[in-house]
Amino acid sequence: MSQGGSLDPQGPVAEVMADLWWLMLGLGVVVFAVFAAVLALGLFRRRSTEPQSGSQQSTGFSRWIVVGGVVLPLIVLLVVFVATIQAMRVVPNHAPPEALAVEIVGHQWWWEVRYPGEGVTTTNELHIPVGRPVAFQLTSADVIHSFWVPALGGKMDLLPDRANTLVLQADEPGEHLSHCAEFCGLEHADMRLTVVAEPAEEFAAWMAEQQQRNSP
C-alpha cells in the first residue's frame, strides 16, 4: 500500500497543490525569520550613545510600521494570490475527450464504483490507468460524503441532490487508501476506498476480468 500523501504527489493536480503548499510554507518561514530578527535586534542591540529626539524616534517607528506592517504583507499576499491563480488554471475544470468516465456513489458507509462505458461495478475498490485522465462523477445515496485521494490531489464532496465532477490523473503506478473526508455517521472512520493506479495493459486485463465475471 502506497503511503504517498499530499506532499508526495503522484499526479499533476497533486503536484500543483504540493508546490503551492511549499511556497506558502517558505513565505511563512521567511516572514517569521524577518520579524524574529527585527524583534531580537530591538531587544538586544545596544542603546545609542547619543539619545535621539522624540521626532526622530517617531519617524523611525513609523517607517518600520509602514514597511513591516503594510509593504511586506502586501508583497506576500500578492505572491500567494498570483501562485493560486496559476494553480487554478492548471487544475482541469472539464474532462478531456480521452478521459475515462467513472461514477462514484457514496453510501453509509461504503463506496460504489461504476464504469458506465464498460458495464462494470465494484465495491470499495477503484482501478484507474496510469497516464490517462479520469473524470469522476460524484454523487451520494444518502448524506454528504467527500472523496479525496491525497497523493492524486483534489477533494470534492458527494451530495445527494446533484453530481459533482472531478478530473484526476495518476502519473505513477501505486496503491492508495482513501477515506471519506466528511463526517457521515457512526461508521465514518471505516468508510475506506482502495485506489489502484496501474499501467494501461494491467488495467485493461483487470477490466476484462471484471466484465467476464459480470457476464451471464
Protein backbone atom coordinates (compact mmCIF):
# COMPACT_ATOMS: atom_id res chain seq x y z
CA MET A 1 0.00 0.00 0.00
CA SER A 2 1.47 3.32 -1.05
CA GLN A 3 1.93 5.82 1.75
CA GLY A 4 2.08 8.79 -0.62
CA GLY A 5 0.20 11.80 0.65
CA SER A 6 -0.40 15.40 -0.29
CA LEU A 7 3.31 16.21 -0.11
CA ASP A 8 4.29 13.11 -2.12
CA PRO A 9 2.29 13.84 -5.29
CA GLN A 10 1.59 11.06 -7.77
CA GLY A 11 -0.37 13.13 -10.27
CA PRO A 12 -0.41 16.59 -11.90
CA VAL A 13 -3.18 18.04 -9.70
CA ALA A 14 -1.47 16.86 -6.51
CA GLU A 15 1.84 18.25 -7.75
CA VAL A 16 0.34 21.71 -8.27
CA MET A 17 -1.22 21.65 -4.80
CA ALA A 18 2.06 20.50 -3.22
CA ASP A 19 4.03 23.25 -4.97
CA LEU A 20 1.56 25.85 -3.71
CA TRP A 21 1.81 24.47 -0.17
CA TRP A 22 5.61 24.56 -0.19
CA LEU A 23 5.54 28.13 -1.50
CA MET A 24 3.27 29.26 1.33
CA LEU A 25 5.39 27.41 3.88
CA GLY A 26 8.55 29.05 2.54
CA LEU A 27 6.99 32.50 2.66
CA GLY A 28 5.80 31.85 6.19
CA VAL A 29 9.29 30.84 7.28
CA VAL A 30 10.80 33.95 5.69
CA VAL A 31 8.24 36.25 7.33
CA PHE A 32 8.81 34.60 10.70
CA ALA A 33 12.58 34.88 10.35
CA VAL A 34 12.41 38.57 9.40
CA PHE A 35 10.16 39.53 12.28
CA ALA A 36 12.13 37.39 14.73
CA ALA A 37 15.34 39.12 13.63
CA VAL A 38 13.79 42.56 13.99
CA LEU A 39 12.46 41.66 17.43
CA ALA A 40 15.84 40.31 18.53
CA LEU A 41 17.57 43.40 17.19
CA GLY A 42 15.23 45.64 19.13
CA LEU A 43 15.68 43.67 22.34
CA PHE A 44 19.41 43.16 22.35
CA ARG A 45 21.03 45.99 20.45
CA ARG A 46 22.96 48.46 22.49
CA ARG A 47 21.39 51.78 23.12
CA SER A 48 22.78 54.61 21.08
CA THR A 49 25.27 56.76 22.94
CA GLU A 50 23.52 59.80 21.55
CA PRO A 51 19.87 59.81 22.54
CA GLN A 52 17.50 60.61 19.69
CA SER A 53 14.90 63.30 19.87
CA GLY A 54 11.24 62.37 20.11
CA SER A 55 10.61 63.32 16.48
CA GLN A 56 13.48 61.10 15.27
CA GLN A 57 12.19 58.14 17.24
CA SER A 58 8.68 58.70 15.91
CA THR A 59 9.92 58.86 12.31
CA GLY A 60 11.89 55.63 12.66
CA PHE A 61 8.98 53.85 14.32
CA SER A 62 6.56 54.97 11.58
CA ARG A 63 8.94 53.73 8.90
CA TRP A 64 9.04 50.26 10.44
CA ILE A 65 5.24 50.24 10.72
CA VAL A 66 4.87 51.05 7.03
CA VAL A 67 7.48 48.55 5.85
CA GLY A 68 6.78 45.71 8.25
CA GLY A 69 3.05 46.14 8.68
CA VAL A 70 1.94 47.15 5.18
CA VAL A 71 4.51 46.63 2.43
CA LEU A 72 5.78 43.16 3.37
CA PRO A 73 2.30 41.65 3.96
CA LEU A 74 1.10 43.08 0.63
CA ILE A 75 4.06 41.52 -1.18
CA VAL A 76 3.43 38.14 0.45
CA LEU A 77 -0.30 38.26 -0.32
CA LEU A 78 0.38 39.26 -3.93
CA VAL A 79 2.80 36.36 -4.45
CA VAL A 80 0.34 33.87 -2.94
CA PHE A 81 -2.53 35.32 -4.99
CA VAL A 82 -0.64 35.02 -8.29
CA ALA A 83 0.52 31.47 -7.46
CA THR A 84 -3.03 30.45 -6.55
CA ILE A 85 -4.42 31.82 -9.83
CA GLN A 86 -1.76 29.90 -11.75
CA ALA A 87 -2.62 26.71 -9.85
CA MET A 88 -6.32 27.14 -10.59
CA ARG A 89 -5.53 27.38 -14.31
CA VAL A 90 -3.64 24.09 -14.21
CA VAL A 91 -6.35 22.14 -12.37
CA PRO A 92 -8.85 20.92 -15.01
CA ASN A 93 -12.46 22.04 -14.78
CA HIS A 94 -13.75 19.86 -17.61
CA ALA A 95 -12.99 16.31 -18.63
CA PRO A 96 -10.93 15.93 -21.84
CA PRO A 97 -12.37 13.66 -24.57
CA GLU A 98 -9.93 10.84 -23.80
CA ALA A 99 -10.81 10.73 -20.09
CA LEU A 100 -12.08 7.53 -18.53
CA ALA A 101 -15.59 8.01 -17.12
CA VAL A 102 -16.10 6.70 -13.58
CA GLU A 103 -19.16 7.16 -11.39
CA ILE A 104 -18.71 7.02 -7.62
CA VAL A 105 -21.70 6.82 -5.30
CA GLY A 106 -21.21 7.28 -1.58
CA HIS A 107 -23.28 5.17 0.80
CA GLN A 108 -23.29 4.84 4.58
CA TRP A 109 -20.60 3.51 4.84
CA TRP A 110 -19.19 2.14 1.61
CA TRP A 111 -18.27 3.19 -1.91
CA GLU A 112 -19.98 2.11 -5.10
CA VAL A 113 -17.72 2.47 -8.16
CA ARG A 114 -19.24 2.25 -11.64
CA TYR A 115 -17.57 2.16 -15.04
CA PRO A 116 -20.56 3.03 -17.26
CA GLY A 117 -18.73 2.62 -20.55
CA GLU A 118 -17.59 -0.88 -19.62
CA GLY A 119 -20.63 -2.09 -17.67
CA VAL A 120 -18.58 -2.85 -14.54
CA THR A 121 -19.41 -2.04 -10.90
CA THR A 122 -17.16 -2.61 -7.89
CA THR A 123 -17.41 -2.04 -4.15
CA ASN A 124 -14.75 -0.18 -2.14
CA GLU A 125 -12.19 -0.67 -4.92
CA LEU A 126 -11.21 1.75 -7.67
CA HIS A 127 -8.86 0.91 -10.54
CA ILE A 128 -7.53 3.61 -12.87
CA PRO A 129 -4.97 3.55 -15.70
CA VAL A 130 -1.71 5.44 -15.28
CA GLY A 131 -1.21 8.43 -17.55
CA ARG A 132 -4.87 8.83 -18.54
CA PRO A 133 -7.24 11.46 -17.14
CA VAL A 134 -10.18 10.10 -15.16
CA ALA A 135 -13.46 12.03 -14.96
CA PHE A 136 -15.27 11.19 -11.73
CA GLN A 137 -18.99 11.84 -11.39
CA LEU A 138 -19.56 12.03 -7.64
CA THR A 139 -22.97 11.58 -6.01
CA SER A 140 -24.36 10.34 -2.70
CA ALA A 141 -27.20 7.96 -1.99
CA ASP A 142 -27.85 9.36 1.49
CA VAL A 143 -25.79 12.00 3.35
CA ILE A 144 -22.83 14.18 2.37
CA HIS A 145 -19.58 12.27 1.82
CA SER A 146 -16.24 13.52 0.50
CA PHE A 147 -13.86 11.87 -1.97
CA TRP A 148 -10.14 12.52 -1.56
CA VAL A 149 -7.02 10.66 -2.66
CA PRO A 150 -4.23 12.83 -1.19
CA ALA A 151 -1.49 11.52 -3.49
CA LEU A 152 -3.57 12.36 -6.57
CA GLY A 153 -4.93 15.68 -5.34
CA GLY A 154 -8.40 17.10 -5.42
CA LYS A 155 -11.05 16.79 -2.73
CA MET A 156 -14.73 17.06 -3.51
CA ASP A 157 -18.00 16.42 -1.72
CA LEU A 158 -20.57 13.85 -2.78
CA LEU A 159 -24.03 15.37 -2.47
CA PRO A 160 -27.37 13.56 -2.55
CA ASP A 161 -29.07 16.14 -4.78
CA ARG A 162 -26.55 16.66 -7.57
CA ALA A 163 -23.43 15.28 -9.27
CA ASN A 164 -20.01 16.91 -8.92
CA THR A 165 -17.24 16.36 -11.47
CA LEU A 166 -13.60 15.85 -10.50
CA VAL A 167 -10.80 15.20 -13.01
CA LEU A 168 -7.66 13.47 -11.74
CA GLN A 169 -4.74 11.59 -13.22
CA ALA A 170 -2.17 9.20 -11.79
CA ASP A 171 1.32 9.54 -13.25
CA GLU A 172 2.83 6.60 -11.39
CA PRO A 173 1.60 3.09 -10.54
CA GLY A 174 0.68 2.55 -6.93
CA GLU A 175 -1.99 1.58 -4.45
CA HIS A 176 -3.54 4.23 -2.24
CA LEU A 177 -6.04 4.22 0.59
CA SER A 178 -8.74 6.87 0.54
CA HIS A 179 -11.01 7.69 3.46
CA CYS A 180 -14.26 9.58 3.40
CA ALA A 181 -13.22 13.15 4.26
CA GLU A 182 -16.60 14.32 5.57
CA PHE A 183 -18.11 13.00 8.79
CA CYS A 184 -21.06 10.91 7.67
CA GLY A 185 -22.24 8.99 10.70
CA LEU A 186 -21.40 6.24 13.14
CA GLU A 187 -19.05 4.20 10.92
CA HIS A 188 -17.45 7.12 9.11
CA ALA A 189 -13.93 6.03 10.11
CA ASP A 190 -14.44 2.67 8.39
CA MET A 191 -15.51 4.14 5.03
CA ARG A 192 -12.38 3.32 3.04
CA LEU A 193 -11.67 3.04 -0.66
CA THR A 194 -8.71 1.21 -2.18
CA VAL A 195 -7.39 3.08 -5.22
CA VAL A 196 -5.16 1.13 -7.61
CA ALA A 197 -3.28 3.04 -10.30
CA GLU A 198 -1.83 0.59 -12.79
CA PRO A 199 -0.33 0.57 -16.29
CA ALA A 200 -2.82 0.59 -19.16
CA GLU A 201 -2.20 -3.07 -20.01
CA GLU A 202 -2.86 -4.23 -16.46
CA PHE A 203 -5.94 -2.03 -16.22
CA ALA A 204 -7.29 -3.50 -19.46
CA ALA A 205 -6.68 -7.03 -18.17
CA TRP A 206 -8.41 -6.22 -14.87
CA MET A 207 -11.37 -4.69 -16.69
CA ALA A 208 -11.69 -7.73 -18.96
CA GLU A 209 -11.69 -9.98 -15.90
CA GLN A 210 -14.44 -7.93 -14.27
CA GLN A 211 -16.53 -7.97 -17.43
CA GLN A 212 -16.16 -11.74 -17.65
CA ARG A 213 -17.33 -12.11 -14.05
CA ASN A 214 -20.37 -9.96 -14.72
CA SER A 215 -21.35 -11.75 -17.93
CA PRO A 216 -24.24 -14.25 -17.59
